PDB file of N, CA and C in Angstrom:
ATOM      1  N   MET A   1       0.837  -1.171   0.000  1.00  0.00           N
ATOM      2  CA  MET A   1       0.000   0.000   0.000  1.00  0.00           C
ATOM      3  C   MET A   1       0.889   1.243   0.000  1.00  0.00           C
ATOM      4  N   ARG A   2       0.486   2.250  -0.750  1.00  0.00           N
ATOM      5  CA  ARG A   2       1.263   3.481  -0.828  1.00  0.00           C
ATOM      6  C   ARG A   2       1.066   4.338   0.411  1.00  0.00           C
ATOM      7  N   LYS A   3       2.139   5.002   0.812  1.00  0.00           N
ATOM      8  CA  LYS A   3       2.049   5.963   1.916  1.00  0.00           C
ATOM      9  C   LYS A   3       1.255   7.167   1.414  1.00  0.00           C
ATOM     10  N   GLN A   4       0.335   7.652   2.225  1.00  0.00           N
ATOM     11  CA  GLN A   4      -0.458   8.804   1.837  1.00  0.00           C
ATOM     12  C   GLN A   4       0.021  10.038   2.571  1.00  0.00           C
ATOM     13  N   SER A   5       0.058  11.155   1.851  1.00  0.00           N
ATOM     14  CA  SER A   5       0.452  12.422   2.450  1.00  0.00           C
ATOM     15  C   SER A   5      -0.639  12.881   3.414  1.00  0.00           C
ATOM     16  N   ILE A   6      -0.238  13.299   4.612  1.00  0.00           N
ATOM     17  CA  ILE A   6      -1.203  13.720   5.610  1.00  0.00           C
ATOM     18  C   ILE A   6      -1.514  15.214   5.480  1.00  0.00           C
ATOM     19  N   LEU A   7      -0.497  16.015   5.291  1.00  0.00           N
ATOM     20  CA  LEU A   7      -0.698  17.454   5.187  1.00  0.00           C
ATOM     21  C   LEU A   7      -0.373  17.938   3.789  1.00  0.00           C
ATOM     22  N   PRO A   8      -1.088  18.960   3.308  1.00  0.00           N
ATOM     23  CA  PRO A   8      -0.747  19.518   2.000  1.00  0.00           C
ATOM     24  C   PRO A   8       0.648  20.141   2.052  1.00  0.00           C
ATOM     25  N   GLU A   9       1.333  20.106   0.928  1.00  0.00           N
ATOM     26  CA  GLU A   9       2.656  20.715   0.855  1.00  0.00           C
ATOM     27  C   GLU A   9       2.560  22.011   0.062  1.00  0.00           C
ATOM     28  N   ILE A  10       3.486  22.910   0.295  1.00  0.00           N
ATOM     29  CA  ILE A  10       3.509  24.210  -0.379  1.00  0.00           C
ATOM     30  C   ILE A  10       4.593  24.185  -1.445  1.00  0.00           C
ATOM     31  N   THR A  11       4.283  24.726  -2.605  1.00  0.00           N
ATOM     32  CA  THR A  11       5.250  24.828  -3.693  1.00  0.00           C
ATOM     33  C   THR A  11       5.032  26.167  -4.384  1.00  0.00           C
ATOM     34  N   ARG A  12       5.952  26.553  -5.251  1.00  0.00           N
ATOM     35  CA  ARG A  12       5.858  27.842  -5.957  1.00  0.00           C
ATOM     36  C   ARG A  12       6.033  27.631  -7.456  1.00  0.00           C
ATOM     37  N   ALA A  13       5.483  28.555  -8.218  1.00  0.00           N
ATOM     38  CA  ALA A  13       5.656  28.535  -9.670  1.00  0.00           C
ATOM     39  C   ALA A  13       6.938  29.271 -10.036  1.00  0.00           C
ATOM     40  N   SER A  14       7.641  28.745 -11.042  1.00  0.00           N
ATOM     41  CA  SER A  14       8.843  29.417 -11.532  1.00  0.00           C
ATOM     42  C   SER A  14       8.439  30.525 -12.507  1.00  0.00           C
ATOM     43  N   SER A  15       9.423  31.267 -12.988  1.00  0.00           N
ATOM     44  CA  SER A  15       9.147  32.337 -13.953  1.00  0.00           C
ATOM     45  C   SER A  15       8.569  31.772 -15.260  1.00  0.00           C
ATOM     46  N   LYS A  16       8.784  30.477 -15.517  1.00  0.00           N
ATOM     47  CA  LYS A  16       8.245  29.827 -16.721  1.00  0.00           C
ATOM     48  C   LYS A  16       6.907  29.140 -16.452  1.00  0.00           C
ATOM     49  N   GLY A  17       6.365  29.314 -15.235  1.00  0.00           N
ATOM     50  CA  GLY A  17       5.088  28.698 -14.901  1.00  0.00           C
ATOM     51  C   GLY A  17       5.208  27.244 -14.468  1.00  0.00           C
ATOM     52  N   GLN A  18       6.428  26.766 -14.263  1.00  0.00           N
ATOM     53  CA  GLN A  18       6.622  25.382 -13.831  1.00  0.00           C
ATOM     54  C   GLN A  18       6.413  25.281 -12.328  1.00  0.00           C
ATOM     55  N   ILE A  19       5.754  24.203 -11.919  1.00  0.00           N
ATOM     56  CA  ILE A  19       5.485  23.980 -10.508  1.00  0.00           C
ATOM     57  C   ILE A  19       6.118  22.658 -10.103  1.00  0.00           C
ATOM     58  N   VAL A  20       6.863  22.678  -9.014  1.00  0.00           N
ATOM     59  CA  VAL A  20       7.509  21.468  -8.516  1.00  0.00           C
ATOM     60  C   VAL A  20       6.503  20.697  -7.670  1.00  0.00           C
ATOM     61  N   ILE A  21       6.339  19.417  -7.980  1.00  0.00           N
ATOM     62  CA  ILE A  21       5.529  18.535  -7.147  1.00  0.00           C
ATOM     63  C   ILE A  21       6.501  17.935  -6.135  1.00  0.00           C
ATOM     64  N   PRO A  22       6.242  18.132  -4.839  1.00  0.00           N
ATOM     65  CA  PRO A  22       7.179  17.639  -3.818  1.00  0.00           C
ATOM     66  C   PRO A  22       7.486  16.150  -3.983  1.00  0.00           C
ATOM     67  N   SER A  23       8.723  15.764  -3.647  1.00  0.00           N
ATOM     68  CA  SER A  23       9.192  14.397  -3.887  1.00  0.00           C
ATOM     69  C   SER A  23       8.350  13.342  -3.190  1.00  0.00           C
ATOM     70  N   ASP A  24       7.865  13.614  -1.962  1.00  0.00           N
ATOM     71  CA  ASP A  24       7.019  12.635  -1.273  1.00  0.00           C
ATOM     72  C   ASP A  24       5.771  12.318  -2.088  1.00  0.00           C
ATOM     73  N   ILE A  25       5.182  13.354  -2.669  1.00  0.00           N
ATOM     74  CA  ILE A  25       3.976  13.163  -3.481  1.00  0.00           C
ATOM     75  C   ILE A  25       4.323  12.453  -4.783  1.00  0.00           C
ATOM     76  N   ARG A  26       5.454  12.824  -5.418  1.00  0.00           N
ATOM     77  CA  ARG A  26       5.863  12.137  -6.659  1.00  0.00           C
ATOM     78  C   ARG A  26       6.053  10.654  -6.412  1.00  0.00           C
ATOM     79  N   LYS A  27       6.715  10.312  -5.307  1.00  0.00           N
ATOM     80  CA  LYS A  27       6.930   8.897  -4.982  1.00  0.00           C
ATOM     81  C   LYS A  27       5.614   8.190  -4.704  1.00  0.00           C
ATOM     82  N   MET A  28       4.732   8.829  -3.919  1.00  0.00           N
ATOM     83  CA  MET A  28       3.457   8.236  -3.543  1.00  0.00           C
ATOM     84  C   MET A  28       2.606   7.920  -4.784  1.00  0.00           C
ATOM     85  N   VAL A  29       2.617   8.824  -5.765  1.00  0.00           N
ATOM     86  CA  VAL A  29       1.772   8.673  -6.951  1.00  0.00           C
ATOM     87  C   VAL A  29       2.499   7.937  -8.082  1.00  0.00           C
ATOM     88  N   GLY A  30       3.821   7.800  -7.965  1.00  0.00           N
ATOM     89  CA  GLY A  30       4.583   7.121  -9.007  1.00  0.00           C
ATOM     90  C   GLY A  30       4.879   8.008 -10.208  1.00  0.00           C
ATOM     91  N   ILE A  31       5.161   9.284  -9.946  1.00  0.00           N
ATOM     92  CA  ILE A  31       5.469  10.228 -11.030  1.00  0.00           C
ATOM     93  C   ILE A  31       6.950  10.135 -11.358  1.00  0.00           C
ATOM     94  N   ARG A  32       7.218   9.957 -12.636  1.00  0.00           N
ATOM     95  CA  ARG A  32       8.594   9.908 -13.133  1.00  0.00           C
ATOM     96  C   ARG A  32       8.747  10.925 -14.259  1.00  0.00           C
ATOM     97  N   GLU A  33       9.986  11.158 -14.668  1.00  0.00           N
ATOM     98  CA  GLU A  33      10.217  12.056 -15.795  1.00  0.00           C
ATOM     99  C   GLU A  33       9.407  11.570 -16.988  1.00  0.00           C
ATOM    100  N   GLY A  34       8.682  12.480 -17.616  1.00  0.00           N
ATOM    101  CA  GLY A  34       7.877  12.129 -18.783  1.00  0.00           C
ATOM    102  C   GLY A  34       6.452  11.702 -18.453  1.00  0.00           C
ATOM    103  N   SER A  35       6.096  11.627 -17.158  1.00  0.00           N
ATOM    104  CA  SER A  35       4.715  11.270 -16.788  1.00  0.00           C
ATOM    105  C   SER A  35       3.747  12.278 -17.403  1.00  0.00           C
ATOM    106  N   SER A  36       2.582  11.784 -17.818  1.00  0.00           N
ATOM    107  CA  SER A  36       1.561  12.639 -18.428  1.00  0.00           C
ATOM    108  C   SER A  36       0.430  12.904 -17.449  1.00  0.00           C
ATOM    109  N   PHE A  37      -0.206  14.081 -17.601  1.00  0.00           N
ATOM    110  CA  PHE A  37      -1.283  14.486 -16.714  1.00  0.00           C
ATOM    111  C   PHE A  37      -2.421  15.111 -17.493  1.00  0.00           C
ATOM    112  N   ALA A  38      -3.630  14.902 -17.001  1.00  0.00           N
ATOM    113  CA  ALA A  38      -4.779  15.694 -17.436  1.00  0.00           C
ATOM    114  C   ALA A  38      -4.872  16.833 -16.426  1.00  0.00           C
ATOM    115  N   VAL A  39      -5.189  18.036 -16.901  1.00  0.00           N
ATOM    116  CA  VAL A  39      -5.245  19.200 -16.028  1.00  0.00           C
ATOM    117  C   VAL A  39      -6.627  19.830 -16.139  1.00  0.00           C
ATOM    118  N   SER A  40      -7.229  20.119 -14.982  1.00  0.00           N
ATOM    119  CA  SER A  40      -8.534  20.763 -14.935  1.00  0.00           C
ATOM    120  C   SER A  40      -8.434  21.931 -13.974  1.00  0.00           C
ATOM    121  N   ALA A  41      -9.123  23.021 -14.265  1.00  0.00           N
ATOM    122  CA  ALA A  41      -9.048  24.188 -13.384  1.00  0.00           C
ATOM    123  C   ALA A  41     -10.382  24.911 -13.325  1.00  0.00           C
ATOM    124  N   ARG A  42     -10.673  25.435 -12.156  1.00  0.00           N
ATOM    125  CA  ARG A  42     -11.821  26.304 -11.928  1.00  0.00           C
ATOM    126  C   ARG A  42     -11.358  27.369 -10.944  1.00  0.00           C
ATOM    127  N   LYS A  43     -11.592  28.597 -11.299  1.00  0.00           N
ATOM    128  CA  LYS A  43     -11.205  29.726 -10.447  1.00  0.00           C
ATOM    129  C   LYS A  43      -9.756  29.562 -10.008  1.00  0.00           C
ATOM    130  N   ASP A  44      -9.494  29.423  -8.697  1.00  0.00           N
ATOM    131  CA  ASP A  44      -8.111  29.349  -8.230  1.00  0.00           C
ATOM    132  C   ASP A  44      -7.684  27.946  -7.821  1.00  0.00           C
ATOM    133  N   THR A  45      -8.390  26.916  -8.324  1.00  0.00           N
ATOM    134  CA  THR A  45      -8.057  25.534  -7.979  1.00  0.00           C
ATOM    135  C   THR A  45      -7.684  24.759  -9.236  1.00  0.00           C
ATOM    136  N   ILE A  46      -6.563  24.037  -9.163  1.00  0.00           N
ATOM    137  CA  ILE A  46      -6.072  23.224 -10.274  1.00  0.00           C
ATOM    138  C   ILE A  46      -6.006  21.777  -9.808  1.00  0.00           C
ATOM    139  N   ILE A  47      -6.470  20.864 -10.650  1.00  0.00           N
ATOM    140  CA  ILE A  47      -6.385  19.440 -10.339  1.00  0.00           C
ATOM    141  C   ILE A  47      -5.575  18.762 -11.429  1.00  0.00           C
ATOM    142  N   LEU A  48      -4.605  17.956 -11.007  1.00  0.00           N
ATOM    143  CA  LEU A  48      -3.801  17.148 -11.922  1.00  0.00           C
ATOM    144  C   LEU A  48      -4.204  15.693 -11.745  1.00  0.00           C
ATOM    145  N   LYS A  49      -4.388  14.980 -12.837  1.00  0.00           N
ATOM    146  CA  LYS A  49      -4.667  13.541 -12.802  1.00  0.00           C
ATOM    147  C   LYS A  49      -3.571  12.861 -13.597  1.00  0.00           C
ATOM    148  N   LYS A  50      -2.763  12.038 -12.897  1.00  0.00           N
ATOM    149  CA  LYS A  50      -1.694  11.314 -13.585  1.00  0.00           C
ATOM    150  C   LYS A  50      -2.334  10.319 -14.547  1.00  0.00           C
ATOM    151  N   LEU A  51      -1.820  10.285 -15.761  1.00  0.00           N
ATOM    152  CA  LEU A  51      -2.348   9.386 -16.778  1.00  0.00           C
ATOM    153  C   LEU A  51      -1.355   8.281 -17.081  1.00  0.00           C
ATOM    154  N   ASN A  52      -1.873   7.151 -17.501  1.00  0.00           N
ATOM    155  CA  ASN A  52      -1.013   6.117 -18.055  1.00  0.00           C
ATOM    156  C   ASN A  52      -0.584   6.608 -19.427  1.00  0.00           C
ATOM    157  N   THR A  53       0.219   5.834 -20.137  1.00  0.00           N
ATOM    158  CA  THR A  53       0.679   6.298 -21.447  1.00  0.00           C
ATOM    159  C   THR A  53      -0.495   6.541 -22.385  1.00  0.00           C
ATOM    160  N   GLN A  54      -1.581   5.802 -22.209  1.00  0.00           N
ATOM    161  CA  GLN A  54      -2.797   6.036 -22.984  1.00  0.00           C
ATOM    162  C   GLN A  54      -3.920   6.329 -21.998  1.00  0.00           C
ATOM    163  N   MET A  55      -4.850   7.169 -22.406  1.00  0.00           N
ATOM    164  CA  MET A  55      -5.980   7.462 -21.536  1.00  0.00           C
ATOM    165  C   MET A  55      -6.871   6.227 -21.482  1.00  0.00           C
ATOM    166  N   THR A  56      -7.183   5.798 -20.263  1.00  0.00           N
ATOM    167  CA  THR A  56      -7.993   4.602 -20.075  1.00  0.00           C
ATOM    168  C   THR A  56      -9.442   4.993 -19.764  1.00  0.00           C
ATOM    169  N   GLU A  57     -10.303   3.998 -19.760  1.00  0.00           N
ATOM    170  CA  GLU A  57     -11.697   4.229 -19.379  1.00  0.00           C
ATOM    171  C   GLU A  57     -11.765   4.777 -17.955  1.00  0.00           C
ATOM    172  N   GLU A  58     -10.907   4.249 -17.072  1.00  0.00           N
ATOM    173  CA  GLU A  58     -10.892   4.731 -15.686  1.00  0.00           C
ATOM    174  C   GLU A  58     -10.489   6.202 -15.632  1.00  0.00           C
ATOM    175  N   ASP A  59      -9.496   6.595 -16.459  1.00  0.00           N
ATOM    176  CA  ASP A  59      -9.094   8.000 -16.511  1.00  0.00           C
ATOM    177  C   ASP A  59     -10.272   8.869 -16.943  1.00  0.00           C
ATOM    178  N   LEU A  60     -10.999   8.428 -17.958  1.00  0.00           N
ATOM    179  CA  LEU A  60     -12.154   9.190 -18.440  1.00  0.00           C
ATOM    180  C   LEU A  60     -13.241   9.296 -17.373  1.00  0.00           C
ATOM    181  N   ARG A  61     -13.481   8.202 -16.644  1.00  0.00           N
ATOM    182  CA  ARG A  61     -14.470   8.236 -15.560  1.00  0.00           C
ATOM    183  C   ARG A  61     -14.033   9.218 -14.469  1.00  0.00           C
ATOM    184  N   THR A  62     -12.750   9.186 -14.123  1.00  0.00           N
ATOM    185  CA  THR A  62     -12.235  10.096 -13.097  1.00  0.00           C
ATOM    186  C   THR A  62     -12.402  11.546 -13.538  1.00  0.00           C
ATOM    187  N   LEU A  63     -12.054  11.834 -14.779  1.00  0.00           N
ATOM    188  CA  LEU A  63     -12.192  13.201 -15.280  1.00  0.00           C
ATOM    189  C   LEU A  63     -13.651  13.645 -15.273  1.00  0.00           C
ATOM    190  N   LYS A  64     -14.569  12.723 -15.594  1.00  0.00           N
ATOM    191  CA  LYS A  64     -15.995  13.049 -15.556  1.00  0.00           C
ATOM    192  C   LYS A  64     -16.423  13.350 -14.122  1.00  0.00           C
ATOM    193  N   LEU A  65     -15.946  12.559 -13.144  1.00  0.00           N
ATOM    194  CA  LEU A  65     -16.274  12.808 -11.740  1.00  0.00           C
ATOM    195  C   LEU A  65     -15.735  14.159 -11.276  1.00  0.00           C
ATOM    196  N   VAL A  66     -14.528  14.514 -11.726  1.00  0.00           N
ATOM    197  CA  VAL A  66     -13.949  15.819 -11.370  1.00  0.00           C
ATOM    198  C   VAL A  66     -14.826  16.936 -11.928  1.00  0.00           C
ATOM    199  N   GLU A  67     -15.263  16.785 -13.170  1.00  0.00           N
ATOM    200  CA  GLU A  67     -16.116  17.799 -13.788  1.00  0.00           C
ATOM    201  C   GLU A  67     -17.437  17.921 -13.028  1.00  0.00           C
ATOM    202  N   GLU A  68     -18.016  16.790 -12.610  1.00  0.00           N
ATOM    203  CA  GLU A  68     -19.259  16.826 -11.829  1.00  0.00           C
ATOM    204  C   GLU A  68     -19.031  17.482 -10.475  1.00  0.00           C
ATOM    205  N   ALA A  69     -17.865  17.220  -9.871  1.00  0.00           N
ATOM    206  CA  ALA A  69     -17.545  17.840  -8.577  1.00  0.00           C
ATOM    207  C   ALA A  69     -17.437  19.356  -8.718  1.00  0.00           C
ATOM    208  N   TRP A  70     -16.816  19.828  -9.808  1.00  0.00           N
ATOM    209  CA  TRP A  70     -16.720  21.275 -10.041  1.00  0.00           C
ATOM    210  C   TRP A  70     -18.124  21.876 -10.103  1.00  0.00           C
ATOM    211  N   LYS A  71     -19.039  21.202 -10.810  1.00  0.00           N
ATOM    212  CA  LYS A  71     -20.413  21.698 -10.918  1.00  0.00           C
ATOM    213  C   LYS A  71     -21.061  21.786  -9.537  1.00  0.00           C
ATOM    214  N   ASP A  72     -20.877  20.725  -8.733  1.00  0.00           N
ATOM    215  CA  ASP A  72     -21.441  20.722  -7.382  1.00  0.00           C
ATOM    216  C   ASP A  72     -20.923  21.899  -6.569  1.00  0.00           C
ATOM    217  N   ILE A  73     -19.628  22.150  -6.664  1.00  0.00           N
ATOM    218  CA  ILE A  73     -19.023  23.259  -5.920  1.00  0.00           C
ATOM    219  C   ILE A  73     -19.595  24.592  -6.404  1.00  0.00           C
ATOM    220  N   GLU A  74     -19.652  24.768  -7.722  1.00  0.00           N
ATOM    221  CA  GLU A  74     -20.147  26.026  -8.274  1.00  0.00           C
ATOM    222  C   GLU A  74     -21.608  26.266  -7.925  1.00  0.00           C
ATOM    223  N   GLU A  75     -22.386  25.188  -7.752  1.00  0.00           N
ATOM    224  CA  GLU A  75     -23.810  25.317  -7.441  1.00  0.00           C
ATOM    225  C   GLU A  75     -24.093  25.216  -5.942  1.00  0.00           C
ATOM    226  N   GLY A  76     -23.014  25.241  -5.124  1.00  0.00           N
ATOM    227  CA  GLY A  76     -23.178  25.274  -3.680  1.00  0.00           C
ATOM    228  C   GLY A  76     -23.481  23.938  -3.025  1.00  0.00           C
ATOM    229  N   ARG A  77     -23.316  22.831  -3.746  1.00  0.00           N
ATOM    230  CA  ARG A  77     -23.565  21.506  -3.173  1.00  0.00           C
ATOM    231  C   ARG A  77     -22.248  20.910  -2.687  1.00  0.00           C
ATOM    232  N   TYR A  78     -21.834  21.310  -1.493  1.00  0.00           N
ATOM    233  CA  TYR A  78     -20.601  20.804  -0.906  1.00  0.00           C
ATOM    234  C   TYR A  78     -20.691  20.930   0.605  1.00  0.00           C
ATOM    235  N   LYS A  79     -19.777  20.276   1.295  1.00  0.00           N
ATOM    236  CA  LYS A  79     -19.741  20.337   2.750  1.00  0.00           C
ATOM    237  C   LYS A  79     -18.509  21.114   3.183  1.00  0.00           C
ATOM    238  N   ILE A  80     -18.645  21.801   4.292  1.00  0.00           N
ATOM    239  CA  ILE A  80     -17.513  22.507   4.875  1.00  0.00           C
ATOM    240  C   ILE A  80     -17.084  21.737   6.122  1.00  0.00           C
ATOM    241  N   TYR A  81     -15.795  21.369   6.173  1.00  0.00           N
ATOM    242  CA  TYR A  81     -15.248  20.620   7.293  1.00  0.00           C
ATOM    243  C   TYR A  81     -14.163  21.417   7.989  1.00  0.00           C
ATOM    244  N   THR A  82     -13.980  21.125   9.268  1.00  0.00           N
ATOM    245  CA  THR A  82     -12.793  21.623   9.942  1.00  0.00           C
ATOM    246  C   THR A  82     -11.618  20.815   9.390  1.00  0.00           C
ATOM    247  N   LYS A  83     -10.408  21.290   9.632  1.00  0.00           N
ATOM    248  CA  LYS A  83      -9.229  20.569   9.159  1.00  0.00           C
ATOM    249  C   LYS A  83      -9.201  19.152   9.717  1.00  0.00           C
ATOM    250  N   GLU A  84      -9.499  19.015  10.987  1.00  0.00           N
ATOM    251  CA  GLU A  84      -9.460  17.694  11.626  1.00  0.00           C
ATOM    252  C   GLU A  84     -10.487  16.752  11.012  1.00  0.00           C
ATOM    253  N   LYS A  85     -11.719  17.239  10.821  1.00  0.00           N
ATOM    254  CA  LYS A  85     -12.783  16.420  10.232  1.00  0.00           C
ATOM    255  C   LYS A  85     -12.430  16.049   8.784  1.00  0.00           C
ATOM    256  N   PHE A  86     -11.844  16.999   8.046  1.00  0.00           N
ATOM    257  CA  PHE A  86     -11.449  16.727   6.661  1.00  0.00           C
ATOM    258  C   PHE A  86     -10.440  15.578   6.602  1.00  0.00           C
ATOM    259  N   PHE A  87      -9.420  15.624   7.469  1.00  0.00           N
ATOM    260  CA  PHE A  87      -8.403  14.577   7.437  1.00  0.00           C
ATOM    261  C   PHE A  87      -8.955  13.239   7.907  1.00  0.00           C
ATOM    262  N   LYS A  88      -9.932  13.253   8.818  1.00  0.00           N
ATOM    263  CA  LYS A  88     -10.581  11.996   9.208  1.00  0.00           C
ATOM    264  C   LYS A  88     -11.349  11.408   8.018  1.00  0.00           C
ATOM    265  N   GLU A  89     -12.050  12.246   7.280  1.00  0.00           N
ATOM    266  CA  GLU A  89     -12.770  11.783   6.087  1.00  0.00           C
ATOM    267  C   GLU A  89     -11.777  11.270   5.029  1.00  0.00           C
ATOM    268  N   LEU A  90     -10.666  11.987   4.875  1.00  0.00           N
ATOM    269  CA  LEU A  90      -9.655  11.603   3.893  1.00  0.00           C
ATOM    270  C   LEU A  90      -9.053  10.243   4.238  1.00  0.00           C
ATOM    271  N   GLU A  91      -8.844   9.977   5.526  1.00  0.00           N
ATOM    272  CA  GLU A  91      -8.290   8.686   5.943  1.00  0.00           C
ATOM    273  C   GLU A  91      -9.209   7.527   5.564  1.00  0.00           C
ATOM    274  N   LYS A  92     -10.527   7.768   5.537  1.00  0.00           N
ATOM    275  CA  LYS A  92     -11.487   6.728   5.168  1.00  0.00           C
ATOM    276  C   LYS A  92     -11.298   6.294   3.708  1.00  0.00           C
ATOM    277  N   TRP A  93     -10.856   7.207   2.853  1.00  0.00           N
ATOM    278  CA  TRP A  93     -10.663   6.900   1.433  1.00  0.00           C
ATOM    279  C   TRP A  93      -9.529   5.913   1.284  1.00  0.00           C
TER     280      TRP A  93
END
């Protein structure tokens, strides 16, 4: 089983717009040089989905779920948690 990151990490964009993904997260997700990602954004939130060399049905389902989640957020259908409650919910996943 992969180790899961408990706390979010902070990173910065370079002058070229490049963002470093912290090494713990790269190892946890299996990101290597040349890894491909689908990128989705709404307002000030960006989501990266690591892709296999070819987009799979599972990748497409995940992207559809992300798009549905964005709609829920934009239409006010979401829950607000304290940090502690959020991490307890995250541990269940």
